[in-house]
N, C-alpha and C. Protein backbone atom coordinates (compact mmCIF):
# COMPACT_ATOMS: atom_id res chain seq x y z
N MET A 1 -112.78 -83.70 137.81
CA MET A 1 -111.99 -84.82 137.15
C MET A 1 -112.75 -86.16 137.55
N LYS A 2 -112.76 -87.00 136.61
CA LYS A 2 -113.15 -88.34 136.87
C LYS A 2 -111.94 -89.17 137.14
N VAL A 3 -112.02 -90.11 138.03
CA VAL A 3 -110.90 -91.00 138.30
C VAL A 3 -111.27 -92.41 137.86
N ILE A 4 -110.41 -92.84 136.96
CA ILE A 4 -110.54 -94.28 136.52
C ILE A 4 -109.45 -95.12 137.24
N SER A 5 -109.90 -96.13 137.93
CA SER A 5 -108.93 -96.82 138.73
C SER A 5 -109.18 -98.38 138.47
N LYS A 6 -108.08 -99.10 138.71
CA LYS A 6 -108.24 -100.54 138.70
C LYS A 6 -109.06 -101.03 139.93
N SER A 7 -109.71 -102.18 139.75
CA SER A 7 -110.51 -102.69 140.90
C SER A 7 -109.64 -103.34 141.97
N PHE A 8 -110.08 -103.20 143.21
CA PHE A 8 -109.40 -103.77 144.32
C PHE A 8 -110.43 -103.96 145.47
N THR A 9 -110.02 -104.73 146.39
CA THR A 9 -110.81 -104.80 147.64
C THR A 9 -110.30 -103.86 148.71
N LYS A 10 -111.21 -103.21 149.39
CA LYS A 10 -110.81 -102.18 150.41
C LYS A 10 -111.51 -102.41 151.61
N LYS A 11 -110.89 -102.32 152.79
CA LYS A 11 -111.52 -102.42 154.04
C LYS A 11 -111.78 -101.02 154.56
N VAL A 12 -113.05 -100.78 154.81
CA VAL A 12 -113.43 -99.46 155.35
C VAL A 12 -113.99 -99.61 156.76
N ILE A 13 -113.53 -98.69 157.60
CA ILE A 13 -114.03 -98.75 158.99
C ILE A 13 -114.80 -97.41 159.30
N LEU A 14 -116.05 -97.62 159.55
CA LEU A 14 -116.97 -96.52 159.97
C LEU A 14 -116.99 -96.40 161.49
N LYS A 15 -116.67 -95.26 161.98
CA LYS A 15 -116.68 -95.15 163.45
C LYS A 15 -116.90 -93.63 163.80
N GLY A 16 -117.12 -93.40 165.06
CA GLY A 16 -117.32 -92.04 165.52
C GLY A 16 -117.68 -92.08 167.01
N ASP A 17 -117.74 -90.97 167.58
CA ASP A 17 -118.01 -90.80 169.03
C ASP A 17 -119.34 -90.06 169.20
N LEU A 18 -120.14 -90.60 170.21
CA LEU A 18 -121.37 -90.01 170.49
C LEU A 18 -121.06 -88.72 171.38
N ARG A 19 -121.84 -87.71 171.17
CA ARG A 19 -121.63 -86.55 171.95
C ARG A 19 -122.25 -86.70 173.26
N ARG A 20 -121.53 -86.41 174.34
CA ARG A 20 -122.03 -86.61 175.63
C ARG A 20 -121.97 -85.28 176.49
N ASP A 21 -122.81 -85.18 177.50
CA ASP A 21 -122.75 -84.20 178.45
C ASP A 21 -122.91 -84.74 179.80
N LYS A 22 -121.75 -84.85 180.50
CA LYS A 22 -121.79 -85.44 181.83
C LYS A 22 -122.28 -86.83 181.77
N ASN A 23 -121.68 -87.64 180.94
CA ASN A 23 -122.00 -89.12 180.75
C ASN A 23 -123.38 -89.32 180.24
N ARG A 24 -124.09 -88.31 179.78
CA ARG A 24 -125.41 -88.48 179.18
C ARG A 24 -125.32 -88.23 177.68
N ILE A 25 -125.74 -89.09 176.82
CA ILE A 25 -125.68 -88.99 175.37
C ILE A 25 -126.69 -87.94 174.96
N VAL A 26 -126.18 -86.85 174.23
CA VAL A 26 -127.06 -85.81 173.90
C VAL A 26 -127.33 -85.91 172.29
N ASP A 27 -126.37 -86.41 171.50
CA ASP A 27 -126.66 -86.70 170.08
C ASP A 27 -125.62 -87.59 169.50
N TRP A 28 -125.65 -87.87 168.19
CA TRP A 28 -124.80 -88.87 167.61
C TRP A 28 -123.31 -88.28 167.44
N GLY A 29 -123.20 -87.07 167.45
CA GLY A 29 -121.86 -86.50 167.24
C GLY A 29 -121.22 -87.05 166.01
N SER A 30 -119.90 -87.47 166.01
CA SER A 30 -119.28 -87.92 164.79
C SER A 30 -119.74 -89.38 164.47
N ALA A 31 -120.48 -89.98 165.35
CA ALA A 31 -120.93 -91.35 165.12
C ALA A 31 -122.18 -91.37 164.16
N PHE A 32 -122.60 -90.22 163.66
CA PHE A 32 -123.69 -90.12 162.71
C PHE A 32 -123.39 -91.03 161.48
N VAL A 33 -122.12 -91.20 161.10
CA VAL A 33 -121.84 -91.92 159.96
C VAL A 33 -122.23 -93.39 160.14
N VAL A 34 -122.16 -93.95 161.30
CA VAL A 34 -122.69 -95.34 161.63
C VAL A 34 -124.06 -95.34 161.51
N LYS A 35 -124.80 -94.45 162.10
CA LYS A 35 -126.30 -94.39 162.02
C LYS A 35 -126.70 -94.33 160.56
N ASP A 36 -126.10 -93.36 159.84
CA ASP A 36 -126.44 -93.16 158.47
C ASP A 36 -126.27 -94.32 157.56
N PHE A 37 -125.07 -95.14 157.83
CA PHE A 37 -124.89 -96.27 157.14
C PHE A 37 -126.02 -97.22 157.24
N PHE A 38 -126.54 -97.47 158.38
CA PHE A 38 -127.70 -98.43 158.58
C PHE A 38 -128.92 -97.91 158.01
N ILE A 39 -129.13 -96.60 158.15
CA ILE A 39 -130.33 -96.00 157.44
C ILE A 39 -130.25 -96.14 155.93
N LYS A 40 -129.13 -95.96 155.33
CA LYS A 40 -128.95 -96.05 153.85
C LYS A 40 -129.12 -97.49 153.40
N LEU A 41 -128.81 -98.44 154.22
CA LEU A 41 -128.96 -99.87 153.92
C LEU A 41 -130.38 -100.23 154.05
N GLY A 42 -131.29 -99.46 154.60
CA GLY A 42 -132.65 -99.75 154.82
C GLY A 42 -132.97 -100.54 156.08
N CYS A 43 -131.99 -100.51 157.01
CA CYS A 43 -132.21 -101.39 158.18
C CYS A 43 -133.29 -100.90 159.14
N PHE A 44 -133.70 -99.64 159.03
CA PHE A 44 -134.84 -99.20 159.92
C PHE A 44 -136.21 -99.27 159.31
N LYS A 45 -136.18 -99.68 157.97
CA LYS A 45 -137.55 -99.83 157.24
C LYS A 45 -138.29 -100.92 157.80
N GLY A 46 -139.54 -100.68 157.95
CA GLY A 46 -140.44 -101.72 158.47
C GLY A 46 -140.61 -101.83 159.99
N LEU A 47 -139.67 -101.14 160.66
CA LEU A 47 -139.68 -101.22 162.07
C LEU A 47 -140.68 -100.12 162.74
N ILE A 48 -141.34 -100.57 163.75
CA ILE A 48 -142.33 -99.68 164.48
C ILE A 48 -141.45 -98.82 165.41
N ASP A 49 -142.09 -97.75 165.89
CA ASP A 49 -141.32 -96.73 166.76
C ASP A 49 -140.52 -97.34 167.92
N GLU A 50 -141.10 -98.32 168.58
CA GLU A 50 -140.38 -98.88 169.79
C GLU A 50 -139.28 -99.69 169.31
N GLU A 51 -139.39 -100.42 168.15
CA GLU A 51 -138.25 -101.19 167.64
C GLU A 51 -137.05 -100.33 167.22
N ILE A 52 -137.43 -99.15 166.63
CA ILE A 52 -136.39 -98.14 166.25
C ILE A 52 -135.63 -97.67 167.41
N LYS A 53 -136.39 -97.33 168.48
CA LYS A 53 -135.77 -96.86 169.74
C LYS A 53 -134.85 -97.90 170.32
N GLU A 54 -135.28 -99.24 170.28
CA GLU A 54 -134.40 -100.28 170.89
C GLU A 54 -133.20 -100.42 170.01
N ARG A 55 -133.32 -100.36 168.69
CA ARG A 55 -132.05 -100.52 167.86
C ARG A 55 -131.15 -99.34 168.15
N ILE A 56 -131.63 -98.13 168.20
CA ILE A 56 -130.82 -96.97 168.53
C ILE A 56 -130.20 -97.13 169.87
N ARG A 57 -130.91 -97.56 170.85
CA ARG A 57 -130.26 -97.85 172.17
C ARG A 57 -129.06 -98.78 172.10
N LEU A 58 -129.26 -99.89 171.22
CA LEU A 58 -128.15 -100.79 171.14
C LEU A 58 -126.95 -100.14 170.40
N LEU A 59 -127.19 -99.29 169.37
CA LEU A 59 -126.14 -98.65 168.66
C LEU A 59 -125.48 -97.65 169.60
N GLU A 60 -126.15 -97.00 170.42
CA GLU A 60 -125.55 -96.06 171.44
C GLU A 60 -124.66 -96.77 172.36
N LYS A 61 -124.95 -98.01 172.67
CA LYS A 61 -123.94 -98.87 173.49
C LYS A 61 -122.94 -99.52 172.71
N LYS A 62 -122.78 -99.13 171.46
CA LYS A 62 -121.78 -99.65 170.52
C LYS A 62 -122.00 -101.16 170.19
N GLN A 63 -123.28 -101.48 170.12
CA GLN A 63 -123.68 -102.89 169.87
C GLN A 63 -124.58 -102.85 168.58
N VAL A 64 -124.15 -103.68 167.60
CA VAL A 64 -124.92 -103.60 166.32
C VAL A 64 -126.02 -104.66 166.47
N PRO A 65 -127.33 -104.27 166.25
CA PRO A 65 -128.40 -105.19 166.32
C PRO A 65 -128.21 -106.33 165.36
N ALA A 66 -128.57 -107.61 165.74
CA ALA A 66 -128.29 -108.78 164.88
C ALA A 66 -129.05 -108.60 163.51
N ASP A 67 -130.25 -108.01 163.56
CA ASP A 67 -131.08 -107.99 162.36
C ASP A 67 -130.38 -106.96 161.40
N PHE A 68 -129.74 -105.96 161.89
CA PHE A 68 -129.07 -105.04 161.02
C PHE A 68 -127.80 -105.66 160.39
N LEU A 69 -127.16 -106.58 161.06
CA LEU A 69 -125.97 -107.29 160.51
C LEU A 69 -126.51 -108.23 159.35
N ILE A 70 -127.58 -108.86 159.59
CA ILE A 70 -128.20 -109.78 158.53
C ILE A 70 -128.64 -108.99 157.26
N LYS A 71 -129.17 -107.86 157.57
CA LYS A 71 -129.60 -106.93 156.47
C LYS A 71 -128.46 -106.33 155.68
N ALA A 72 -127.30 -106.13 156.44
CA ALA A 72 -126.13 -105.54 155.82
C ALA A 72 -125.27 -106.47 155.06
N ILE A 73 -125.37 -107.82 155.30
CA ILE A 73 -124.52 -108.78 154.64
C ILE A 73 -124.83 -108.78 153.16
N LYS A 74 -123.76 -108.77 152.44
CA LYS A 74 -123.76 -108.77 150.90
C LYS A 74 -124.44 -107.59 150.12
N LYS A 75 -124.73 -106.54 151.03
CA LYS A 75 -125.25 -105.39 150.43
C LYS A 75 -124.10 -104.57 149.69
N LYS A 76 -124.40 -104.01 148.58
CA LYS A 76 -123.39 -103.26 147.85
C LYS A 76 -123.52 -101.83 148.28
N ILE A 77 -122.24 -101.32 148.71
CA ILE A 77 -122.21 -99.94 149.20
C ILE A 77 -121.06 -99.30 148.30
N TYR A 78 -121.17 -98.02 148.25
CA TYR A 78 -120.09 -97.24 147.55
C TYR A 78 -119.28 -96.36 148.39
N ILE A 79 -118.06 -96.31 148.18
CA ILE A 79 -117.15 -95.45 148.98
C ILE A 79 -116.50 -94.45 148.02
N LEU A 80 -115.93 -93.44 148.54
CA LEU A 80 -115.32 -92.36 147.74
C LEU A 80 -113.92 -92.11 148.23
N ASP A 81 -112.90 -92.20 147.35
CA ASP A 81 -111.52 -91.79 147.60
C ASP A 81 -111.33 -90.50 146.95
N TYR A 82 -110.66 -89.59 147.54
CA TYR A 82 -110.34 -88.31 147.04
C TYR A 82 -108.89 -88.03 147.12
N VAL A 83 -108.39 -87.13 146.39
CA VAL A 83 -106.94 -86.76 146.37
C VAL A 83 -106.69 -85.87 147.48
N LYS A 84 -105.64 -86.17 148.36
CA LYS A 84 -105.30 -85.35 149.45
C LYS A 84 -103.79 -84.77 149.36
N GLY A 85 -103.07 -85.22 148.43
CA GLY A 85 -101.67 -84.69 148.26
C GLY A 85 -100.91 -85.54 147.26
N ILE A 86 -99.60 -85.22 147.30
CA ILE A 86 -98.70 -85.85 146.41
C ILE A 86 -97.52 -86.38 147.34
N SER A 87 -97.18 -87.64 147.17
CA SER A 87 -96.12 -88.24 147.84
C SER A 87 -94.71 -87.70 147.43
N GLU A 88 -93.70 -88.02 148.18
CA GLU A 88 -92.34 -87.51 147.90
C GLU A 88 -91.91 -88.09 146.53
N GLU A 89 -92.53 -89.29 146.14
CA GLU A 89 -92.17 -89.84 144.90
C GLU A 89 -92.96 -89.24 143.68
N GLY A 90 -93.90 -88.32 144.03
CA GLY A 90 -94.68 -87.60 143.05
C GLY A 90 -95.93 -88.39 142.64
N LYS A 91 -96.31 -89.40 143.44
CA LYS A 91 -97.62 -90.09 143.23
C LYS A 91 -98.70 -89.42 143.96
N LEU A 92 -99.85 -89.46 143.45
CA LEU A 92 -101.06 -88.92 144.06
C LEU A 92 -101.37 -89.78 145.38
N LYS A 93 -101.74 -89.05 146.44
CA LYS A 93 -102.17 -89.77 147.68
C LYS A 93 -103.61 -89.52 147.89
N TYR A 94 -104.25 -90.59 148.29
CA TYR A 94 -105.70 -90.50 148.51
C TYR A 94 -106.13 -90.75 149.91
N SER A 95 -107.32 -90.36 150.14
CA SER A 95 -107.92 -90.60 151.50
C SER A 95 -109.35 -91.09 151.22
N THR A 96 -109.89 -91.96 152.08
CA THR A 96 -111.25 -92.45 151.89
C THR A 96 -112.23 -91.51 152.72
N TRP A 97 -113.23 -91.06 152.01
CA TRP A 97 -114.24 -90.28 152.83
C TRP A 97 -114.98 -91.19 153.76
N ASN A 98 -115.34 -90.52 154.94
CA ASN A 98 -115.98 -91.37 155.97
C ASN A 98 -117.48 -91.51 155.72
N ILE A 99 -118.03 -91.17 154.62
CA ILE A 99 -119.45 -91.33 154.34
C ILE A 99 -119.53 -92.45 153.19
N VAL A 100 -120.50 -93.36 153.38
CA VAL A 100 -120.74 -94.39 152.35
C VAL A 100 -122.26 -94.25 151.99
N ASP A 101 -122.57 -94.90 150.83
CA ASP A 101 -124.00 -94.90 150.44
C ASP A 101 -124.21 -96.07 149.53
N ALA A 102 -125.46 -96.54 149.50
CA ALA A 102 -125.94 -97.66 148.69
C ALA A 102 -126.17 -97.14 147.25
N ASP A 103 -126.24 -95.86 147.09
CA ASP A 103 -126.54 -95.18 145.88
C ASP A 103 -125.41 -94.31 145.39
N PRO A 104 -124.69 -94.54 144.29
CA PRO A 104 -123.58 -93.76 143.91
C PRO A 104 -123.90 -92.27 143.69
N GLU A 105 -125.03 -91.94 143.10
CA GLU A 105 -125.35 -90.65 142.80
C GLU A 105 -125.64 -89.88 144.11
N GLN A 106 -126.25 -90.49 145.02
CA GLN A 106 -126.41 -89.76 146.38
C GLN A 106 -125.08 -89.53 147.04
N LEU A 107 -124.15 -90.49 146.93
CA LEU A 107 -122.91 -90.26 147.56
C LEU A 107 -122.17 -89.06 146.81
N ARG A 108 -122.24 -89.00 145.48
CA ARG A 108 -121.60 -87.92 144.75
C ARG A 108 -122.26 -86.61 145.13
N ASN A 109 -123.55 -86.50 145.33
CA ASN A 109 -124.23 -85.22 145.74
C ASN A 109 -123.82 -84.92 147.14
N ALA A 110 -123.74 -85.88 148.12
CA ALA A 110 -123.30 -85.59 149.43
C ALA A 110 -121.94 -84.99 149.45
N PHE A 111 -121.04 -85.57 148.64
CA PHE A 111 -119.65 -85.13 148.59
C PHE A 111 -119.61 -83.68 148.16
N LYS A 112 -120.40 -83.35 147.07
CA LYS A 112 -120.41 -81.97 146.54
C LYS A 112 -120.86 -81.00 147.66
N LYS A 113 -121.90 -81.36 148.32
CA LYS A 113 -122.44 -80.55 149.46
C LYS A 113 -121.35 -80.35 150.59
N SER A 114 -120.72 -81.47 150.88
CA SER A 114 -119.68 -81.35 151.93
C SER A 114 -118.50 -80.45 151.44
N VAL A 115 -118.10 -80.57 150.19
CA VAL A 115 -117.01 -79.80 149.69
C VAL A 115 -117.41 -78.27 149.69
N ALA A 116 -118.68 -78.02 149.30
CA ALA A 116 -119.15 -76.57 149.37
C ALA A 116 -119.16 -75.98 150.74
N LYS A 117 -119.18 -76.85 151.74
CA LYS A 117 -119.11 -76.43 153.18
C LYS A 117 -117.62 -76.44 153.69
N GLY A 118 -116.65 -76.88 152.83
CA GLY A 118 -115.27 -76.85 153.14
C GLY A 118 -114.70 -78.11 153.72
N PHE A 119 -115.45 -79.20 153.55
CA PHE A 119 -115.04 -80.50 153.99
C PHE A 119 -115.01 -81.44 152.90
N PRO A 120 -114.14 -82.51 152.88
CA PRO A 120 -113.03 -82.63 153.86
C PRO A 120 -111.94 -81.63 153.66
N LEU A 121 -111.31 -81.27 154.84
CA LEU A 121 -110.33 -80.24 154.85
C LEU A 121 -109.17 -80.57 153.97
N ASN A 122 -108.79 -81.78 153.85
CA ASN A 122 -107.60 -82.15 153.10
C ASN A 122 -107.82 -82.53 151.59
N TYR A 123 -109.00 -82.17 151.04
CA TYR A 123 -109.34 -82.56 149.62
C TYR A 123 -108.61 -81.47 148.76
N LYS A 124 -107.84 -81.94 147.88
CA LYS A 124 -107.02 -81.11 146.93
C LYS A 124 -107.28 -81.45 145.45
N PRO A 125 -108.53 -80.98 144.95
CA PRO A 125 -108.92 -81.33 143.54
C PRO A 125 -107.96 -80.76 142.52
N ASP A 126 -107.29 -79.65 142.83
CA ASP A 126 -106.36 -79.05 141.89
C ASP A 126 -105.20 -79.94 141.57
N LEU A 127 -104.85 -80.91 142.40
CA LEU A 127 -103.78 -81.87 142.11
C LEU A 127 -104.14 -82.97 141.05
N MET A 128 -105.37 -83.08 140.74
CA MET A 128 -105.82 -83.95 139.75
C MET A 128 -105.55 -83.50 138.25
N ASP A 129 -105.35 -82.26 138.10
CA ASP A 129 -105.15 -81.62 136.79
C ASP A 129 -103.94 -82.31 136.13
N ASN A 130 -104.27 -82.94 134.98
CA ASN A 130 -103.21 -83.62 134.17
C ASN A 130 -102.34 -84.66 134.92
N ALA A 131 -102.90 -85.20 135.98
CA ALA A 131 -102.20 -86.21 136.70
C ALA A 131 -102.36 -87.57 136.10
N ILE A 132 -101.22 -88.23 136.03
CA ILE A 132 -101.21 -89.71 135.52
C ILE A 132 -100.24 -90.39 136.42
N ASP A 133 -100.78 -91.42 137.12
CA ASP A 133 -99.94 -92.25 138.01
C ASP A 133 -100.07 -93.67 137.45
N LYS A 134 -99.14 -93.97 136.53
CA LYS A 134 -99.09 -95.34 135.88
C LYS A 134 -98.86 -96.46 136.83
N ASN A 135 -98.03 -96.19 137.91
CA ASN A 135 -97.78 -97.22 138.86
C ASN A 135 -99.01 -97.78 139.58
N GLU A 136 -99.90 -96.85 139.82
CA GLU A 136 -101.22 -97.20 140.50
C GLU A 136 -102.34 -97.37 139.50
N ALA A 137 -102.14 -97.23 138.27
CA ALA A 137 -103.16 -97.38 137.18
C ALA A 137 -104.29 -96.34 137.37
N VAL A 138 -103.96 -95.14 137.83
CA VAL A 138 -104.84 -94.17 138.09
C VAL A 138 -104.67 -93.01 137.09
N VAL A 139 -105.76 -92.68 136.39
CA VAL A 139 -105.60 -91.59 135.32
C VAL A 139 -106.68 -90.59 135.49
N ALA A 140 -106.29 -89.36 135.50
CA ALA A 140 -107.30 -88.30 135.59
C ALA A 140 -107.80 -87.97 134.19
N VAL A 141 -109.11 -87.84 134.09
CA VAL A 141 -109.79 -87.58 132.80
C VAL A 141 -110.59 -86.31 132.86
N PRO A 142 -110.46 -85.43 132.00
CA PRO A 142 -111.20 -84.13 132.14
C PRO A 142 -112.76 -84.41 132.12
N SER A 143 -113.48 -83.66 132.96
CA SER A 143 -114.96 -83.81 133.01
C SER A 143 -115.52 -82.47 133.43
N ASP A 144 -116.77 -82.42 133.67
CA ASP A 144 -117.45 -81.14 133.95
C ASP A 144 -117.17 -80.60 135.34
N ASP A 145 -116.64 -81.34 136.26
CA ASP A 145 -116.36 -80.97 137.58
C ASP A 145 -115.10 -81.42 138.15
N ASP A 146 -114.90 -81.10 139.38
CA ASP A 146 -113.56 -81.46 139.95
C ASP A 146 -113.78 -82.56 141.16
N PHE A 147 -114.84 -83.34 140.97
CA PHE A 147 -115.10 -84.40 141.99
C PHE A 147 -114.56 -85.76 141.62
N PRO A 148 -114.11 -86.52 142.50
CA PRO A 148 -113.19 -87.70 142.27
C PRO A 148 -113.97 -88.90 141.78
N PHE A 149 -114.92 -88.83 140.86
CA PHE A 149 -115.56 -89.95 140.24
C PHE A 149 -116.23 -89.63 139.02
């Protein structure tokens, strides 16, 4: 299904926890979404190895490098909302996927791959069939697949 929706401003929070072993960071854990956000915005481009390591050290300390903030300002990113259920009033309920991208096609492909692996767990594409939610100006339109865009 394709979802056609009215435009609105949405606040998205990207967060996660670093995987640790006895207070030692072993990998990005669920915080990979933060690292990937900056990679997708091109924040690491043009940096030499030592500069990359320094930026990663800052991110591991939950500090955003100043040059990353400057590069991120006014960048266009895409988010993806998917159907997760139906409210008691019969309206579709949505959740925002925790992955973002500067390229909508790459976001679409990443979501397809994630769905093929069984994630997000609460994604309910079958609820989109013939759904019309006039109060929220959301209409489901038949398409070649069951992805929410």
